[in-house]
C-alpha atoms as a PDB file:
ATOM      1  CA  MET A   1       9.995  48.437 -25.278  1.00  0.00           C
ATOM      2  CA  LYS A   2       9.179  45.649 -28.513  1.00  0.00           C
ATOM      3  CA  LYS A   3       6.727  48.237 -30.353  1.00  0.00           C
ATOM      4  CA  ILE A   4       9.493  50.869 -29.874  1.00  0.00           C
ATOM      5  CA  GLU A   5      12.116  48.955 -31.304  1.00  0.00           C
ATOM      6  CA  ALA A   6       9.420  47.039 -34.349  1.00  0.00           C
ATOM      7  CA  LYS A   7       8.637  51.630 -35.006  1.00  0.00           C
ATOM      8  CA  SER A   8      12.272  51.695 -34.706  1.00  0.00           C
ATOM      9  CA  THR A   9      13.424  48.931 -37.429  1.00  0.00           C
ATOM     10  CA  VAL A  10      10.344  50.333 -39.623  1.00  0.00           C
ATOM     11  CA  LEU A  11      12.002  53.577 -39.936  1.00  0.00           C
ATOM     12  CA  LEU A  12      15.367  52.143 -39.923  1.00  0.00           C
ATOM     13  CA  GLY A  13      14.593  50.562 -43.125  1.00  0.00           C
ATOM     14  CA  HIS A  14      12.347  53.527 -45.074  1.00  0.00           C
ATOM     15  CA  HIS A  15      15.633  55.683 -44.326  1.00  0.00           C
ATOM     16  CA  LEU A  16      17.991  53.268 -45.770  1.00  0.00           C
ATOM     17  CA  LYS A  17      15.675  52.703 -49.181  1.00  0.00           C
ATOM     18  CA  ALA A  18      15.265  56.609 -49.185  1.00  0.00           C
ATOM     19  CA  LEU A  19      19.038  57.145 -49.112  1.00  0.00           C
ATOM     20  CA  LYS A  20      19.559  54.098 -51.247  1.00  0.00           C
ATOM     21  CA  LEU A  21      21.402  51.443 -49.415  1.00  0.00           C
ATOM     22  CA  PRO A  22      19.452  48.698 -49.998  1.00  0.00           C
ATOM     23  CA  THR A  23      21.993  45.696 -49.168  1.00  0.00           C
ATOM     24  CA  MET A  24      22.357  47.709 -46.030  1.00  0.00           C
ATOM     25  CA  HIS A  25      18.612  47.327 -45.948  1.00  0.00           C
ATOM     26  CA  ALA A  26      18.358  43.665 -46.514  1.00  0.00           C
ATOM     27  CA  GLU A  27      21.243  42.885 -43.974  1.00  0.00           C
ATOM     28  CA  CYS A  28      20.513  44.869 -41.071  1.00  0.00           C
ATOM     29  CA  GLU A  29      18.968  42.945 -38.812  1.00  0.00           C
ATOM     30  CA  LYS A  30      20.319  39.763 -39.308  1.00  0.00           C
ATOM     31  CA  VAL A  31      23.934  42.105 -39.003  1.00  0.00           C
ATOM     32  CA  ALA A  32      22.293  43.136 -35.737  1.00  0.00           C
ATOM     33  CA  ARG A  33      21.660  39.998 -34.375  1.00  0.00           C
ATOM     34  CA  ARG A  34      25.327  38.464 -34.990  1.00  0.00           C
ATOM     35  CA  CYS A  35      26.953  41.797 -33.485  1.00  0.00           C
ATOM     36  CA  ALA A  36      24.716  41.670 -30.164  1.00  0.00           C
ATOM     37  CA  ALA A  37      25.879  37.623 -30.348  1.00  0.00           C
ATOM     38  CA  GLU A  38      29.008  38.657 -30.508  1.00  0.00           C
ATOM     39  CA  ASN A  39      29.374  41.560 -28.568  1.00  0.00           C
ATOM     40  CA  VAL A  40      30.315  44.142 -30.996  1.00  0.00           C
ATOM     41  CA  ASP A  41      29.941  48.148 -30.526  1.00  0.00           C
ATOM     42  CA  HIS A  42      27.410  50.135 -32.617  1.00  0.00           C
ATOM     43  CA  LEU A  43      30.568  51.536 -34.510  1.00  0.00           C
ATOM     44  CA  GLY A  44      31.793  47.757 -35.291  1.00  0.00           C
ATOM     45  CA  PHE A  45      27.818  47.135 -35.965  1.00  0.00           C
ATOM     46  CA  LEU A  46      27.579  50.171 -38.726  1.00  0.00           C
ATOM     47  CA  LEU A  47      31.518  49.242 -40.019  1.00  0.00           C
ATOM     48  CA  GLN A  48      30.118  45.747 -41.163  1.00  0.00           C
ATOM     49  CA  LEU A  49      27.009  47.015 -42.746  1.00  0.00           C
ATOM     50  CA  CYS A  50      28.738  49.779 -44.878  1.00  0.00           C
ATOM     51  CA  GLU A  51      31.099  46.706 -45.913  1.00  0.00           C
ATOM     52  CA  LEU A  52      28.861  44.954 -46.826  1.00  0.00           C
ATOM     53  CA  GLU A  53      27.177  47.928 -48.794  1.00  0.00           C
ATOM     54  CA  LEU A  54      30.063  48.861 -50.640  1.00  0.00           C
ATOM     55  CA  ILE A  55      31.369  44.904 -51.411  1.00  0.00           C
ATOM     56  CA  GLU A  56      27.726  44.736 -53.185  1.00  0.00           C
ATOM     57  CA  ARG A  57      27.795  47.903 -54.608  1.00  0.00           C
ATOM     58  CA  GLU A  58      31.209  47.235 -56.478  1.00  0.00           C
ATOM     59  CA  ARG A  59      29.475  44.183 -57.756  1.00  0.00           C
ATOM     60  CA  ARG A  60      26.657  45.789 -59.390  1.00  0.00           C
ATOM     61  CA  SER A  61      29.257  48.337 -60.951  1.00  0.00           C
ATOM     62  CA  ALA A  62      31.410  45.767 -62.231  1.00  0.00           C
ATOM     63  CA  GLU A  63      27.980  44.105 -63.401  1.00  0.00           C
ATOM     64  CA  ARG A  64      27.534  46.642 -65.683  1.00  0.00           C
ATOM     65  CA  ARG A  65      31.036  47.151 -66.684  1.00  0.00           C
ATOM     66  CA  LEU A  66      31.247  43.887 -68.333  1.00  0.00           C
ATOM     67  CA  LYS A  67      27.636  44.541 -69.958  1.00  0.00           C
ATOM     68  CA  ALA A  68      28.581  47.879 -70.968  1.00  0.00           C
ATOM     69  CA  ALA A  69      32.165  46.791 -72.577  1.00  0.00           C
ATOM     70  CA  ARG A  70      30.190  43.833 -75.123  1.00  0.00           C
ATOM     71  CA  PHE A  71      32.299  41.016 -74.898  1.00  0.00           C
ATOM     72  CA  PRO A  72      31.677  38.378 -77.633  1.00  0.00           C
ATOM     73  CA  SER A  73      32.023  35.992 -74.929  1.00  0.00           C
ATOM     74  CA  ILE A  74      33.729  36.323 -71.229  1.00  0.00           C
ATOM     75  CA  LYS A  75      37.729  35.007 -71.156  1.00  0.00           C
ATOM     76  CA  ALA A  76      39.430  34.947 -68.193  1.00  0.00           C
ATOM     77  CA  LEU A  77      43.370  33.545 -67.647  1.00  0.00           C
ATOM     78  CA  GLU A  78      42.741  30.904 -66.031  1.00  0.00           C
ATOM     79  CA  SER A  79      41.004  28.986 -68.706  1.00  0.00           C
ATOM     80  CA  PHE A  80      44.057  29.638 -71.118  1.00  0.00           C
ATOM     81  CA  ASP A  81      45.830  27.062 -72.286  1.00  0.00           C
ATOM     82  CA  PHE A  82      49.629  28.212 -72.097  1.00  0.00           C
ATOM     83  CA  ALA A  83      50.834  24.959 -72.792  1.00  0.00           C
ATOM     84  CA  ALA A  84      48.927  24.760 -76.201  1.00  0.00           C
ATOM     85  CA  ALA A  85      50.615  28.231 -76.732  1.00  0.00           C
ATOM     86  CA  PRO A  86      54.522  28.072 -76.293  1.00  0.00           C
ATOM     87  CA  ARG A  87      55.114  31.570 -78.317  1.00  0.00           C
ATOM     88  CA  VAL A  88      52.834  33.441 -75.908  1.00  0.00           C
ATOM     89  CA  ASN A  89      54.927  34.848 -72.841  1.00  0.00           C
ATOM     90  CA  LYS A  90      53.598  34.036 -70.270  1.00  0.00           C
ATOM     91  CA  PRO A  91      55.472  36.447 -67.390  1.00  0.00           C
ATOM     92  CA  GLN A  92      54.508  39.440 -70.071  1.00  0.00           C
ATOM     93  CA  VAL A  93      50.790  38.417 -69.739  1.00  0.00           C
ATOM     94  CA  LEU A  94      50.644  38.201 -66.294  1.00  0.00           C
ATOM     95  CA  GLU A  95      52.171  41.661 -65.745  1.00  0.00           C
ATOM     96  CA  LEU A  96      49.782  43.344 -68.339  1.00  0.00           C
ATOM     97  CA  LEU A  97      46.875  41.754 -66.299  1.00  0.00           C
ATOM     98  CA  ARG A  98      47.883  44.413 -63.428  1.00  0.00           C
ATOM     99  CA  CYS A  99      46.305  47.063 -65.903  1.00  0.00           C
ATOM    100  CA  GLU A 100      48.928  49.431 -64.898  1.00  0.00           C
ATOM    101  CA  TYR A 101      49.694  49.498 -69.108  1.00  0.00           C
ATOM    102  CA  VAL A 102      45.934  51.408 -68.680  1.00  0.00           C
ATOM    103  CA  GLU A 103      46.871  53.557 -66.298  1.00  0.00           C
ATOM    104  CA  ARG A 104      49.925  54.671 -68.040  1.00  0.00           C
ATOM    105  CA  ARG A 105      47.900  55.133 -71.674  1.00  0.00           C
ATOM    106  CA  GLU A 106      49.724  52.341 -73.210  1.00  0.00           C
ATOM    107  CA  ASN A 107      48.567  49.971 -76.060  1.00  0.00           C
ATOM    108  CA  VAL A 108      48.661  46.261 -76.316  1.00  0.00           C
ATOM    109  CA  LEU A 109      49.728  44.382 -79.960  1.00  0.00           C
ATOM    110  CA  LEU A 110      48.819  40.978 -80.304  1.00  0.00           C
ATOM    111  CA  VAL A 111      50.075  39.746 -83.465  1.00  0.00           C
ATOM    112  CA  GLY A 112      50.007  35.981 -84.598  1.00  0.00           C
ATOM    113  CA  GLY A 113      47.912  33.150 -86.996  1.00  0.00           C
ATOM    114  CA  PRO A 114      43.874  32.437 -86.301  1.00  0.00           C
ATOM    115  CA  GLY A 115      43.073  30.292 -83.372  1.00  0.00           C
ATOM    116  CA  THR A 116      46.368  31.206 -81.545  1.00  0.00           C
ATOM    117  CA  GLY A 117      44.256  32.758 -78.606  1.00  0.00           C
ATOM    118  CA  LYS A 118      44.578  36.283 -79.507  1.00  0.00           C
ATOM    119  CA  THR A 119      40.511  37.100 -78.725  1.00  0.00           C
ATOM    120  CA  HIS A 120      41.057  34.964 -75.385  1.00  0.00           C
ATOM    121  CA  LEU A 121      44.149  37.161 -73.982  1.00  0.00           C
ATOM    122  CA  ALA A 122      42.907  40.578 -75.215  1.00  0.00           C
ATOM    123  CA  THR A 123      39.161  39.543 -73.802  1.00  0.00           C
ATOM    124  CA  ALA A 124      40.925  38.390 -70.669  1.00  0.00           C
ATOM    125  CA  LEU A 125      42.608  42.085 -70.444  1.00  0.00           C
ATOM    126  CA  GLY A 126      39.351  43.856 -70.990  1.00  0.00           C
ATOM    127  CA  VAL A 127      37.552  41.946 -68.031  1.00  0.00           C
ATOM    128  CA  GLU A 128      40.400  42.124 -65.692  1.00  0.00           C
ATOM    129  CA  ALA A 129      40.275  45.885 -66.640  1.00  0.00           C
ATOM    130  CA  CYS A 130      36.342  46.045 -65.822  1.00  0.00           C
ATOM    131  CA  GLY A 131      36.990  44.303 -62.661  1.00  0.00           C
ATOM    132  CA  ARG A 132      39.308  47.297 -62.016  1.00  0.00           C
ATOM    133  CA  GLY A 133      36.946  49.997 -62.457  1.00  0.00           C
ATOM    134  CA  LYS A 134      38.207  50.626 -66.070  1.00  0.00           C
ATOM    135  CA  ARG A 135      35.366  51.372 -68.843  1.00  0.00           C
ATOM    136  CA  VAL A 136      35.599  49.011 -71.484  1.00  0.00           C
ATOM    137  CA  ARG A 137      34.771  48.570 -75.336  1.00  0.00           C
ATOM    138  CA  PHE A 138      35.374  45.749 -76.866  1.00  0.00           C
ATOM    139  CA  TYR A 139      34.925  45.886 -81.127  1.00  0.00           C
ATOM    140  CA  ARG A 140      35.425  43.540 -84.029  1.00  0.00           C
ATOM    141  CA  VAL A 141      37.727  45.879 -86.263  1.00  0.00           C
ATOM    142  CA  THR A 142      34.578  45.650 -89.361  1.00  0.00           C
ATOM    143  CA  GLU A 143      31.914  46.247 -86.521  1.00  0.00           C
ATOM    144  CA  LEU A 144      33.633  49.811 -85.776  1.00  0.00           C
ATOM    145  CA  VAL A 145      34.659  50.605 -89.359  1.00  0.00           C
ATOM    146  CA  THR A 146      30.547  49.730 -89.884  1.00  0.00           C
ATOM    147  CA  GLN A 147      28.953  52.000 -87.199  1.00  0.00           C
ATOM    148  CA  LEU A 148      31.421  55.033 -88.234  1.00  0.00           C
ATOM    149  CA  LEU A 149      30.391  54.505 -91.615  1.00  0.00           C
ATOM    150  CA  GLU A 150      26.650  54.475 -90.690  1.00  0.00           C
ATOM    151  CA  ALA A 151      27.035  57.110 -87.773  1.00  0.00           C
ATOM    152  CA  ARG A 152      28.441  59.583 -90.457  1.00  0.00           C
ATOM    153  CA  GLU A 153      26.017  58.650 -93.058  1.00  0.00           C
ATOM    154  CA  ASP A 154      23.294  59.750 -89.909  1.00  0.00           C
ATOM    155  CA  ARG A 155      25.111  62.413 -88.597  1.00  0.00           C
ATOM    156  CA  GLN A 156      25.886  61.219 -85.309  1.00  0.00           C
ATOM    157  CA  LEU A 157      29.475  61.007 -85.750  1.00  0.00           C
ATOM    158  CA  GLY A 158      30.371  63.226 -83.374  1.00  0.00           C
ATOM    159  CA  ARG A 159      27.887  61.416 -80.449  1.00  0.00           C
ATOM    160  CA  LEU A 160      30.400  58.523 -81.406  1.00  0.00           C
ATOM    161  CA  LYS A 161      33.033  59.819 -80.725  1.00  0.00           C
ATOM    162  CA  ALA A 162      32.458  61.375 -77.561  1.00  0.00           C
ATOM    163  CA  GLN A 163      31.501  57.467 -76.316  1.00  0.00           C
ATOM    164  CA  LEU A 164      34.705  56.382 -77.516  1.00  0.00           C
ATOM    165  CA  ALA A 165      36.806  59.127 -75.876  1.00  0.00           C
ATOM    166  CA  LYS A 166      35.284  58.555 -72.204  1.00  0.00           C
ATOM    167  CA  LEU A 167      36.844  54.642 -72.821  1.00  0.00           C
ATOM    168  CA  ASP A 168      39.885  53.801 -70.348  1.00  0.00           C
ATOM    169  CA  LEU A 169      40.509  50.542 -72.829  1.00  0.00           C
ATOM    170  CA  LEU A 170      39.214  50.300 -76.512  1.00  0.00           C
ATOM    171  CA  ILE A 171      39.655  46.487 -77.508  1.00  0.00           C
ATOM    172  CA  LEU A 172      40.148  45.930 -81.522  1.00  0.00           C
ATOM    173  CA  ASP A 173      39.767  42.783 -82.701  1.00  0.00           C
ATOM    174  CA  GLU A 174      40.600  41.365 -85.859  1.00  0.00           C
ATOM    175  CA  LEU A 175      42.627  43.432 -87.841  1.00  0.00           C
ATOM    176  CA  GLY A 176      43.179  42.506 -90.634  1.00  0.00           C
ATOM    177  CA  TYR A 177      40.344  39.488 -91.815  1.00  0.00           C
ATOM    178  CA  VAL A 178      38.768  42.563 -94.134  1.00  0.00           C
ATOM    179  CA  PRO A 179      40.532  45.427 -96.432  1.00  0.00           C
ATOM    180  CA  ALA A 180      38.617  48.507 -94.936  1.00  0.00           C
ATOM    181  CA  SER A 181      37.084  51.015 -97.558  1.00  0.00           C
ATOM    182  CA  LYS A 182      39.362  53.489 -98.075  1.00  0.00           C
ATOM    183  CA  ALA A 183      36.855  55.884 -96.163  1.00  0.00           C
ATOM    184  CA  GLY A 184      36.428  53.270 -93.454  1.00  0.00           C
ATOM    185  CA  ALA A 185      40.192  53.236 -93.044  1.00  0.00           C
ATOM    186  CA  GLU A 186      40.297  56.948 -92.378  1.00  0.00           C
ATOM    187  CA  LEU A 187      37.604  56.547 -89.749  1.00  0.00           C
ATOM    188  CA  LEU A 188      39.490  53.930 -88.311  1.00  0.00           C
ATOM    189  CA  PHE A 189      42.937  56.069 -88.099  1.00  0.00           C
ATOM    190  CA  ASP A 190      40.679  58.953 -86.643  1.00  0.00           C
ATOM    191  CA  VAL A 191      39.714  56.433 -83.364  1.00  0.00           C
ATOM    192  CA  ILE A 192      43.173  55.049 -83.005  1.00  0.00           C
ATOM    193  CA  SER A 193      45.142  58.722 -83.201  1.00  0.00           C
ATOM    194  CA  ARG A 194      41.851  60.422 -80.618  1.00  0.00           C
ATOM    195  CA  ALA A 195      42.585  57.426 -78.473  1.00  0.00           C
ATOM    196  CA  TYR A 196      46.353  58.339 -78.406  1.00  0.00           C
ATOM    197  CA  GLU A 197      48.166  58.642 -74.664  1.00  0.00           C
ATOM    198  CA  ARG A 198      44.570  59.680 -74.232  1.00  0.00           C
ATOM    199  CA  SER A 199      43.451  56.469 -73.372  1.00  0.00           C
ATOM    200  CA  SER A 200      44.418  52.344 -74.147  1.00  0.00           C
ATOM    201  CA  VAL A 201      43.938  50.284 -77.097  1.00  0.00           C
ATOM    202  CA  VAL A 202      44.304  46.924 -77.357  1.00  0.00           C
ATOM    203  CA  VAL A 203      44.310  45.468 -81.160  1.00  0.00           C
ATOM    204  CA  THR A 204      44.586  41.939 -82.468  1.00  0.00           C
ATOM    205  CA  SER A 205      46.130  40.951 -85.989  1.00  0.00           C
ATOM    206  CA  ASN A 206      46.489  37.648 -87.818  1.00  0.00           C
ATOM    207  CA  LEU A 207      48.920  39.991 -89.862  1.00  0.00           C
ATOM    208  CA  PRO A 208      52.795  40.952 -89.784  1.00  0.00           C
ATOM    209  CA  PHE A 209      52.583  44.998 -89.591  1.00  0.00           C
ATOM    210  CA  GLU A 210      54.249  44.889 -93.247  1.00  0.00           C
ATOM    211  CA  GLN A 211      50.881  43.435 -94.345  1.00  0.00           C
ATOM    212  CA  TRP A 212      48.736  46.040 -92.535  1.00  0.00           C
ATOM    213  CA  THR A 213      48.765  48.075 -95.752  1.00  0.00           C
ATOM    214  CA  GLU A 214      46.320  45.156 -97.178  1.00  0.00           C
ATOM    215  CA  VAL A 215      43.777  46.504 -94.502  1.00  0.00           C
ATOM    216  CA  LEU A 216      44.590  50.151 -94.276  1.00  0.00           C
ATOM    217  CA  MET A 217      44.846  50.486 -98.019  1.00  0.00           C
ATOM    218  CA  SER A 218      47.184  53.161 -97.395  1.00  0.00           C
ATOM    219  CA  GLU A 219      50.998  53.018 -96.573  1.00  0.00           C
ATOM    220  CA  ARG A 220      50.682  56.540 -95.324  1.00  0.00           C
ATOM    221  CA  LEU A 221      48.043  55.803 -92.970  1.00  0.00           C
ATOM    222  CA  THR A 222      49.309  52.507 -92.170  1.00  0.00           C
ATOM    223  CA  GLY A 223      52.678  54.141 -90.926  1.00  0.00           C
ATOM    224  CA  ALA A 224      50.596  57.089 -89.139  1.00  0.00           C
ATOM    225  CA  THR A 225      48.172  54.070 -87.418  1.00  0.00           C
ATOM    226  CA  LEU A 226      51.429  52.034 -86.503  1.00  0.00           C
ATOM    227  CA  ASP A 227      53.410  55.036 -85.359  1.00  0.00           C
ATOM    228  CA  ARG A 228      50.699  55.803 -82.583  1.00  0.00           C
ATOM    229  CA  LEU A 229      50.167  52.650 -81.842  1.00  0.00           C
ATOM    230  CA  THR A 230      53.420  50.856 -81.290  1.00  0.00           C
ATOM    231  CA  HIS A 231      55.119  54.446 -79.724  1.00  0.00           C
ATOM    232  CA  ARG A 232      54.187  53.415 -76.411  1.00  0.00           C
ATOM    233  CA  CYS A 233      53.491  49.285 -76.426  1.00  0.00           C
ATOM    234  CA  THR A 234      53.571  46.125 -75.938  1.00  0.00           C
ATOM    235  CA  ILE A 235      53.955  43.553 -78.728  1.00  0.00           C
ATOM    236  CA  LEU A 236      52.698  39.760 -77.497  1.00  0.00           C
ATOM    237  CA  GLU A 237      53.074  37.148 -80.551  1.00  0.00           C
ATOM    238  CA  THR A 238      50.975  34.416 -80.287  1.00  0.00           C
ATOM    239  CA  GLY A 239      52.936  32.085 -83.437  1.00  0.00           C
ATOM    240  CA  GLY A 240      51.253  30.986 -86.415  1.00  0.00           C
ATOM    241  CA  GLU A 241      49.773  27.423 -86.080  1.00  0.00           C
ATOM    242  CA  SER A 242      46.209  27.464 -84.505  1.00  0.00           C
ATOM    243  CA  TYR A 243      46.373  25.743 -80.907  1.00  0.00           C
ATOM    244  CA  ARG A 244      42.575  24.969 -81.681  1.00  0.00           C
ATOM    245  CA  LEU A 245      43.754  22.820 -84.713  1.00  0.00           C
ATOM    246  CA  ARG A 246      46.284  20.754 -82.975  1.00  0.00           C
ATOM    247  CA  ALA A 247      43.595  20.229 -79.775  1.00  0.00           C
ATOM    248  CA  ALA A 248      41.823  18.694 -82.512  1.00  0.00           C
ATOM    249  CA  ARG A 249      44.670  16.390 -84.424  1.00  0.00           C
ATOM    250  CA  ARG A 250      45.453  15.490 -80.896  1.00  0.00           C
ATOM    251  CA  ARG A 251      41.998  14.719 -80.131  1.00  0.00           C
ATOM    252  CA  ARG A 252      41.272  12.631 -83.522  1.00  0.00           C
ATOM    253  CA  SER A 253      44.541  10.970 -83.266  1.00  0.00           C
ATOM    254  CA  GLY A 254      43.347   9.733 -79.475  1.00  0.00           C
ATOM    255  CA  GLU A 255      40.141   8.684 -81.262  1.00  0.00           C
ATOM    256  CA  VAL A 256      42.037   6.277 -83.575  1.00  0.00           C
ATOM    257  CA  VAL A 257      44.151   4.605 -80.720  1.00  0.00           C
ATOM    258  CA  ASP A 258      41.111   4.223 -78.677  1.00  0.00           C
ATOM    259  CA  ALA A 259      39.345   3.147 -81.985  1.00  0.00           C
ATOM    260  CA  ALA A 260      42.379   0.686 -82.458  1.00  0.00           C
ATOM    261  CA  SER A 261      42.623  -0.692 -79.099  1.00  0.00           C
ATOM    262  CA  GLY A 262      38.775  -1.725 -79.585  1.00  0.00           C
ATOM    263  CA  GLY A 263      38.351   1.101 -76.996  1.00  0.00           C
ATOM    264  CA  LYS A 264      40.091  -0.588 -74.378  1.00  0.00           C
END
């Protein structure tokens, strides 16, 4: 009897590997022992194994989506200091975290001064979207423009645009720090235009809308870009003063007080 059981175990392991069910293969014997001890029937046993496989498969898929998104660093909303950024509308951010705007193919514009948390919030939204099965890609605007120009030079522009078209969410960070060339601005507009009502775009910018002409080099192009981005969008203002600078000033003040009191 034991020989038969051993043979069955070996064959089952072989079949599970052939079916590419590695978690079921790894957990099968342990779950079988637990189910036997708890008097769980064979359907319950199979259900537990399937659940473990699905959970692990989704975990691996989420990891792949996070890697493909190429975030400069992983940021979660839990680590965002809303107290240090009072201009940020927290209920609005929490609503966006449900990712329904991605389902509706709407956009999010985060506007505010440097160091006010725009990139952190944009990344947190992207990470959450990855966790919900969405295809996400993070770009600094200058990085994307450079890639578009190089792809055009190498006759690979169609391929890059096709990759961008497959995304559910495109994050464009730091629009406004470096002016684009005329050709670069036109290529960026084309990407935004193609995404219009097909996927969602999150843009962070340190410039108010009326100053976007400084980046896009053309009032016509700026107007057309804003028209597509703001048609169906949520606008979040993060304020003008860097909370990182405020935090640094508080730390320095604390050090001064500590030094004056002799470190007591």
